[in-house]
């Protein structure tokens, strides 16, 4: 064989190999800090495939990216209201439950949610509670109540911690907290109530350091921020980081007495997913008790998987900010999707809040 022929053959084989690697890649789009690295590595070994893993900080970010034309993802992990929106857009393909032998591991409580009756398109992955996280010593010394959304919204408390507070950069989550503080449901659709909630937020905004979805874990654990509106799994990670740093900073978190959001995140497969077969394999992999428990043990997420419970660390299983008792659970609600008119109104209010 001539030299140029050998070179040509080598290049062809290289492209074939690269093509095979690309074809055997599972593309996941998931939340920040929402899986253990070793879990992904174990799946890659089990499926003999690669995993491309991108992250987002809010459901709005996920939906906006998809609306802008992002393609190529095999698996998404949106929250219930975002799942509902994607179903309405005909953007998801039905789950083939015959490919999920571990489906029965899920607790019935987390199945047949209003956003996807019968779990036609979604399989529960994990859940979080949106609550208040705080520097325990600072809050106690300043006499700020940590069992109420008042700590986030009332100027009489915020004046003592100005510039030391962050809230989620998520319109539905922040409005939900304000609605709960005002005594309304997080799914209240009354425009007057929404405007009341927006006013509460704008009144408090000058005292906040930032709208923050990602770095607040680090800022809270380092003592730079003293009070945050955030997710229970992030609070768990912040408290763990503070303990490991051994700086004497103690992080605690609580579900406000007015109530809060329970966010059930589910695995879904886009209608145009290149590798739905790998997506199904990953879903079933995460339904195995040990794998699902690893997610909770590493990230502090709530877990809808009954088979995971024996493998969850006792200190986490006993944490009521992660696994709420019946009294706390009664104060939790799941967000529902909004119709087009309500989404436009919410977006206008959010723009007013951010620009004020």
Protein backbone atom coordinates (compact mmCIF):
# COMPACT_ATOMS: atom_id res chain seq x y z
CA UNK A 1 0.00 0.00 0.00
CA UNK A 2 1.33 3.42 -0.92
CA UNK A 3 2.16 5.95 1.77
CA UNK A 4 -0.69 8.31 0.80
CA UNK A 5 -3.13 5.41 0.79
CA UNK A 6 -2.02 4.42 4.28
CA UNK A 7 -2.41 8.01 5.49
CA UNK A 8 -5.86 8.23 3.92
CA UNK A 9 -6.90 4.96 5.52
CA UNK A 10 -5.59 6.12 8.89
CA UNK A 11 -7.56 9.35 8.70
CA UNK A 12 -10.70 7.46 7.70
CA UNK A 13 -10.32 5.07 10.63
CA UNK A 14 -9.76 8.00 12.98
CA UNK A 15 -12.98 9.68 11.85
CA UNK A 16 -14.84 6.39 12.18
CA UNK A 17 -13.56 6.02 15.74
CA UNK A 18 -14.50 9.60 16.62
CA UNK A 19 -17.93 9.07 15.08
CA UNK A 20 -18.47 5.92 17.13
CA UNK A 21 -17.44 7.75 20.32
CA UNK A 22 -19.87 10.58 19.55
CA UNK A 23 -22.66 8.13 18.79
CA UNK A 24 -22.13 6.38 22.12
CA UNK A 25 -22.36 9.57 24.18
CA UNK A 26 -25.22 10.36 26.55
CA UNK A 27 -25.88 14.11 26.68
CA UNK A 28 -27.34 15.23 30.03
CA UNK A 29 -28.57 18.70 30.98
CA UNK A 30 -29.03 18.89 34.76
CA UNK A 31 -28.96 21.29 37.71
CA UNK A 32 -25.72 22.53 39.26
CA UNK A 33 -24.33 20.26 41.99
CA UNK A 34 -26.95 17.58 41.42
CA UNK A 35 -25.03 14.33 40.99
CA UNK A 36 -21.88 12.72 42.33
CA UNK A 37 -18.88 12.49 39.96
CA UNK A 38 -18.32 8.87 40.91
CA UNK A 39 -21.94 8.09 40.03
CA UNK A 40 -21.37 9.31 36.48
CA UNK A 41 -18.10 7.41 36.24
CA UNK A 42 -19.79 4.19 37.35
CA UNK A 43 -22.54 4.66 34.78
CA UNK A 44 -19.99 5.22 32.01
CA UNK A 45 -18.31 1.95 32.89
CA UNK A 46 -21.62 0.09 33.09
CA UNK A 47 -22.94 1.37 29.76
CA UNK A 48 -19.54 1.46 28.00
CA UNK A 49 -20.36 4.98 26.82
CA UNK A 50 -19.34 8.56 27.32
CA UNK A 51 -21.34 11.22 29.17
CA UNK A 52 -21.50 14.89 28.23
CA UNK A 53 -22.82 16.79 31.22
CA UNK A 54 -24.05 20.41 31.08
CA UNK A 55 -25.64 22.32 33.96
CA UNK A 56 -28.14 25.13 34.53
CA UNK A 57 -29.08 27.23 37.54
CA UNK A 58 -32.85 27.60 37.08
CA UNK A 59 -35.80 26.19 35.19
CA UNK A 60 -36.06 29.50 33.35
CA UNK A 61 -32.51 29.04 32.08
CA UNK A 62 -33.29 25.49 30.94
CA UNK A 63 -36.51 26.47 29.15
CA UNK A 64 -34.93 29.55 27.55
CA UNK A 65 -32.05 27.52 26.15
CA UNK A 66 -34.40 24.93 24.66
CA UNK A 67 -36.67 27.66 23.28
CA UNK A 68 -33.64 29.23 21.63
CA UNK A 69 -33.12 26.01 19.67
CA UNK A 70 -30.66 24.01 21.76
CA UNK A 71 -30.67 20.39 20.59
CA UNK A 72 -28.73 17.21 21.12
CA UNK A 73 -29.69 16.51 24.74
CA UNK A 74 -30.82 13.00 25.64
CA UNK A 75 -31.87 13.64 29.22
CA UNK A 76 -33.14 16.67 31.17
CA UNK A 77 -33.99 16.99 34.88
CA UNK A 78 -36.56 19.83 35.15
CA UNK A 79 -38.83 20.63 38.06
CA UNK A 80 -42.54 19.78 37.89
CA UNK A 81 -43.80 23.09 36.50
CA UNK A 82 -41.10 23.01 33.79
CA UNK A 83 -42.02 19.40 32.97
CA UNK A 84 -45.61 20.55 32.59
CA UNK A 85 -44.51 23.32 30.22
CA UNK A 86 -42.43 20.93 28.10
CA UNK A 87 -45.34 18.48 27.87
CA UNK A 88 -47.62 21.27 26.63
CA UNK A 89 -44.99 22.14 24.00
CA UNK A 90 -44.92 18.51 22.82
CA UNK A 91 -41.17 18.65 23.51
CA UNK A 92 -40.88 15.29 25.31
CA UNK A 93 -41.17 11.68 24.25
CA UNK A 94 -43.06 9.11 26.34
CA UNK A 95 -41.03 6.99 28.73
CA UNK A 96 -40.83 3.32 27.80
CA UNK A 97 -41.43 1.80 31.22
CA UNK A 98 -40.64 -1.68 29.93
CA UNK A 99 -37.01 -0.52 29.91
CA UNK A 100 -37.12 0.44 33.61
CA UNK A 101 -37.02 -2.73 35.72
CA UNK A 102 -36.34 -0.66 38.87
CA UNK A 103 -39.36 1.63 38.45
CA UNK A 104 -41.17 -0.01 41.37
CA UNK A 105 -38.53 1.40 43.72
CA UNK A 106 -40.26 4.80 43.66
CA UNK A 107 -42.58 5.73 46.53
CA UNK A 108 -46.21 6.13 45.36
CA UNK A 109 -46.33 9.55 47.07
CA UNK A 110 -44.10 10.99 44.31
CA UNK A 111 -45.86 9.36 41.36
CA UNK A 112 -48.87 10.62 39.40
CA UNK A 113 -48.13 14.25 40.18
CA UNK A 114 -50.54 16.80 38.74
CA UNK A 115 -47.99 17.94 36.16
CA UNK A 116 -47.77 14.43 34.60
CA UNK A 117 -50.57 12.06 35.59
CA UNK A 118 -49.46 8.49 35.07
CA UNK A 119 -45.82 9.53 34.65
CA UNK A 120 -46.13 9.27 30.91
CA UNK A 121 -43.18 11.60 30.30
CA UNK A 122 -41.31 11.90 33.59
CA UNK A 123 -39.64 9.77 36.24
CA UNK A 124 -38.87 11.29 39.69
CA UNK A 125 -35.18 11.89 40.31
CA UNK A 126 -34.94 13.85 43.57
CA UNK A 127 -36.57 16.75 45.34
CA UNK A 128 -35.54 19.87 47.18
CA UNK A 129 -37.30 22.26 49.51
CA UNK A 130 -36.77 25.99 49.01
CA UNK A 131 -36.04 27.36 52.45
CA UNK A 132 -33.92 29.72 54.54
CA UNK A 133 -30.27 28.94 55.20
CA UNK A 134 -28.31 31.02 57.69
CA UNK A 135 -25.22 31.59 59.79
CA UNK A 136 -26.53 30.32 63.08
CA UNK A 137 -24.36 32.43 65.39
CA UNK A 138 -24.86 35.66 63.43
CA UNK A 139 -28.65 35.33 63.35
CA UNK A 140 -28.86 34.50 67.03
CA UNK A 141 -26.62 37.43 68.00
CA UNK A 142 -28.68 39.85 65.92
CA UNK A 143 -32.02 38.52 67.15
CA UNK A 144 -33.33 37.76 63.68
CA UNK A 145 -36.06 35.07 63.48
CA UNK A 146 -35.11 32.19 61.26
CA UNK A 147 -38.47 30.43 61.18
CA UNK A 148 -40.21 32.97 58.93
CA UNK A 149 -39.85 34.56 55.49
CA UNK A 150 -39.84 37.83 57.45
CA UNK A 151 -36.06 37.43 57.73
CA UNK A 152 -35.82 37.75 53.94
CA UNK A 153 -38.48 40.40 53.36
CA UNK A 154 -38.81 42.69 56.40
CA UNK A 155 -36.62 45.83 56.44
CA UNK A 156 -36.61 45.92 60.26
CA UNK A 157 -34.56 42.71 60.18
CA UNK A 158 -32.73 43.28 56.91
CA UNK A 159 -31.30 46.57 58.15
CA UNK A 160 -29.17 44.56 60.59
CA UNK A 161 -27.71 42.37 57.85
CA UNK A 162 -27.68 44.66 54.83
CA UNK A 163 -25.40 43.30 52.10
CA UNK A 164 -25.22 39.88 53.77
CA UNK A 165 -28.31 38.35 52.14
CA UNK A 166 -28.85 36.58 48.81
CA UNK A 167 -32.04 35.33 47.19
CA UNK A 168 -32.56 32.98 44.26
CA UNK A 169 -32.38 34.50 40.80
CA UNK A 170 -35.59 32.70 39.87
CA UNK A 171 -38.84 34.57 39.36
CA UNK A 172 -41.18 31.73 40.32
CA UNK A 173 -39.22 30.76 43.42
CA UNK A 174 -38.84 34.29 44.77
CA UNK A 175 -42.47 35.20 44.02
CA UNK A 176 -43.54 31.95 45.70
CA UNK A 177 -41.68 32.89 48.88
CA UNK A 178 -43.29 36.35 48.89
CA UNK A 179 -46.75 34.90 48.22
CA UNK A 180 -46.31 32.43 51.09
CA UNK A 181 -45.20 35.25 53.38
CA UNK A 182 -48.38 37.14 52.49
CA UNK A 183 -50.49 34.08 53.30
CA UNK A 184 -51.27 33.01 49.73
CA UNK A 185 -50.66 29.81 47.82
CA UNK A 186 -47.53 29.66 45.69
CA UNK A 187 -49.89 28.96 42.77
CA UNK A 188 -52.17 31.91 43.52
CA UNK A 189 -53.07 33.45 40.14
CA UNK A 190 -54.66 36.69 41.38
CA UNK A 191 -52.87 39.61 39.70
CA UNK A 192 -53.43 41.87 42.71
CA UNK A 193 -51.74 39.32 44.95
CA UNK A 194 -48.82 39.06 42.51
CA UNK A 195 -48.37 42.81 42.63
CA UNK A 196 -48.43 42.71 46.43
CA UNK A 197 -45.70 40.06 46.33
CA UNK A 198 -43.65 42.13 43.87
CA UNK A 199 -43.90 45.15 46.16
CA UNK A 200 -42.69 43.08 49.12
CA UNK A 201 -39.70 41.96 47.03
CA UNK A 202 -38.86 45.46 45.78
CA UNK A 203 -39.07 46.83 49.31
CA UNK A 204 -36.52 44.26 50.48
CA UNK A 205 -34.24 44.33 47.44
CA UNK A 206 -32.03 47.29 48.52
CA UNK A 207 -30.87 45.26 51.50
CA UNK A 208 -29.86 42.17 49.53
CA UNK A 209 -26.35 41.57 48.24
CA UNK A 210 -27.42 39.70 45.10
CA UNK A 211 -29.77 37.43 43.23
CA UNK A 212 -27.69 34.26 43.29
CA UNK A 213 -28.35 30.68 42.17
CA UNK A 214 -24.89 29.15 42.34
CA UNK A 215 -22.13 30.71 44.43
CA UNK A 216 -24.28 31.30 47.51
CA UNK A 217 -23.22 27.87 48.82
CA UNK A 218 -19.59 28.98 48.95
CA UNK A 219 -20.41 32.47 50.24
CA UNK A 220 -22.58 31.14 53.07
CA UNK A 221 -20.09 28.48 54.15
CA UNK A 222 -17.21 31.01 54.10
CA UNK A 223 -19.10 33.50 56.28
CA UNK A 224 -19.33 36.21 53.60
CA UNK A 225 -23.13 35.89 53.43
CA UNK A 226 -25.22 35.27 56.55
CA UNK A 227 -28.71 34.58 55.22
CA UNK A 228 -29.88 32.97 51.98
CA UNK A 229 -33.03 31.96 50.18
CA UNK A 230 -32.05 28.66 48.57
CA UNK A 231 -32.47 24.95 48.07
CA UNK A 232 -32.24 22.36 50.82
CA UNK A 233 -29.56 20.33 49.04
CA UNK A 234 -27.43 23.48 48.67
CA UNK A 235 -27.88 24.22 52.37
CA UNK A 236 -26.71 20.73 53.19
CA UNK A 237 -23.59 21.25 51.09
CA UNK A 238 -22.92 24.67 52.60
CA UNK A 239 -23.20 23.29 56.14
CA UNK A 240 -20.88 20.41 55.25
CA UNK A 241 -18.32 22.75 53.66
CA UNK A 242 -18.38 25.00 56.74
CA UNK A 243 -17.74 22.02 59.03
CA UNK A 244 -14.85 20.81 56.92
CA UNK A 245 -13.28 24.30 56.82
CA UNK A 246 -13.18 24.32 60.65
CA UNK A 247 -13.53 28.10 60.91
CA UNK A 248 -16.20 27.95 63.58
CA UNK A 249 -18.99 28.84 61.16
CA UNK A 250 -22.19 26.92 61.75
CA UNK A 251 -24.81 26.79 59.00
CA UNK A 252 -28.41 25.86 59.76
CA UNK A 253 -31.55 25.85 57.65
CA UNK A 254 -35.26 25.73 58.22
CA UNK A 255 -38.61 25.59 56.43
CA UNK A 256 -40.41 28.87 57.23
CA UNK A 257 -43.61 28.48 59.20
CA UNK A 258 -45.62 30.14 56.41
CA UNK A 259 -44.74 27.28 54.04
CA UNK A 260 -42.45 26.75 51.07
CA UNK A 261 -41.90 25.14 47.68
CA UNK A 262 -41.32 21.42 47.27
CA UNK A 263 -39.55 21.00 43.93
CA UNK A 264 -39.80 17.49 42.52
CA UNK A 265 -37.21 17.15 39.78
CA UNK A 266 -37.81 14.45 37.21
CA UNK A 267 -35.86 12.77 34.42
CA UNK A 268 -37.35 13.41 30.98
CA UNK A 269 -36.28 12.61 27.43
CA UNK A 270 -36.55 15.30 24.72
CA UNK A 271 -38.60 14.29 21.69
CA UNK A 272 -35.56 14.74 19.44
CA UNK A 273 -33.05 12.99 21.74
CA UNK A 274 -30.28 11.31 19.66
CA UNK A 275 -29.86 8.43 22.15
CA UNK A 276 -33.10 7.67 23.99
CA UNK A 277 -31.76 4.16 24.58
CA UNK A 278 -28.90 5.53 26.71
CA UNK A 279 -31.32 7.90 28.43
CA UNK A 280 -33.50 4.98 29.50
CA UNK A 281 -30.43 3.12 30.75
CA UNK A 282 -29.42 6.13 32.83
CA UNK A 283 -32.92 6.54 34.26
CA UNK A 284 -33.01 2.92 35.37
CA UNK A 285 -29.46 3.20 36.72
CA UNK A 286 -30.57 6.12 38.93
CA UNK A 287 -33.60 4.14 40.09
CA UNK A 288 -31.34 1.55 41.73
CA UNK A 289 -31.35 2.05 45.49
CA UNK A 290 -27.60 2.47 46.04
CA UNK A 291 -27.16 4.88 43.14
CA UNK A 292 -30.10 7.00 44.20
CA UNK A 293 -28.91 7.02 47.82
CA UNK A 294 -25.50 8.21 46.69
CA UNK A 295 -27.12 11.31 45.23
CA UNK A 296 -28.67 12.13 48.62
CA UNK A 297 -25.55 11.29 50.62
CA UNK A 298 -23.37 13.49 48.42
CA UNK A 299 -25.71 16.40 47.70
CA UNK A 300 -28.32 16.37 50.48
CA UNK A 301 -31.25 16.08 48.09
CA UNK A 302 -34.57 14.65 49.19
CA UNK A 303 -35.19 11.19 47.80
CA UNK A 304 -38.40 9.70 46.34
CA UNK A 305 -36.83 6.24 46.07
CA UNK A 306 -37.92 3.73 48.71
CA UNK A 307 -35.06 1.37 47.88
CA UNK A 308 -32.56 4.14 48.61
CA UNK A 309 -33.63 4.69 52.22
CA UNK A 310 -31.56 1.84 53.77
CA UNK A 311 -28.42 3.30 52.20
CA UNK A 312 -28.93 6.94 53.21
CA UNK A 313 -26.76 8.18 56.06
CA UNK A 314 -28.84 8.32 59.28
CA UNK A 315 -27.95 11.96 60.02
CA UNK A 316 -29.36 12.96 56.61
CA UNK A 317 -32.44 10.78 56.90
CA UNK A 318 -33.20 12.44 60.25
CA UNK A 319 -32.83 15.97 58.87
CA UNK A 320 -36.31 17.55 58.63
CA UNK A 321 -35.06 20.15 56.16
CA UNK A 322 -34.38 17.28 53.74
CA UNK A 323 -36.93 14.65 54.77
CA UNK A 324 -39.82 16.66 56.25
CA UNK A 325 -42.20 15.14 58.76
CA UNK A 326 -45.96 15.26 58.17
CA UNK A 327 -46.36 18.60 59.92
CA UNK A 328 -43.75 20.29 57.72
CA UNK A 329 -44.87 18.46 54.57
CA UNK A 330 -48.38 19.85 55.03
CA UNK A 331 -46.95 23.36 54.49
CA UNK A 332 -45.24 22.51 51.20
CA UNK A 333 -46.59 23.02 47.67
CA UNK A 334 -45.38 22.23 44.17
CA UNK A 335 -45.33 24.97 41.55
CA UNK A 336 -47.63 24.58 38.57
CA UNK A 337 -47.05 25.86 35.06
CA UNK A 338 -48.51 29.22 34.02
CA UNK A 339 -50.52 29.93 30.91
CA UNK A 340 -49.11 32.31 28.30
CA UNK A 341 -50.84 35.41 29.64
CA UNK A 342 -49.72 34.76 33.20
CA UNK A 343 -46.15 34.07 32.04
CA UNK A 344 -46.07 37.44 30.30
CA UNK A 345 -47.34 39.18 33.43
CA UNK A 346 -44.82 37.35 35.61
CA UNK A 347 -42.03 38.34 33.21
CA UNK A 348 -43.09 42.00 33.33
CA UNK A 349 -43.14 41.98 37.12
CA UNK A 350 -39.77 40.28 37.19
CA UNK A 351 -38.31 42.89 34.87
CA UNK A 352 -39.63 45.62 37.15
CA UNK A 353 -38.09 43.88 40.16
CA UNK A 354 -34.68 43.44 38.52
CA UNK A 355 -34.50 46.99 37.09
CA UNK A 356 -35.76 48.85 40.15
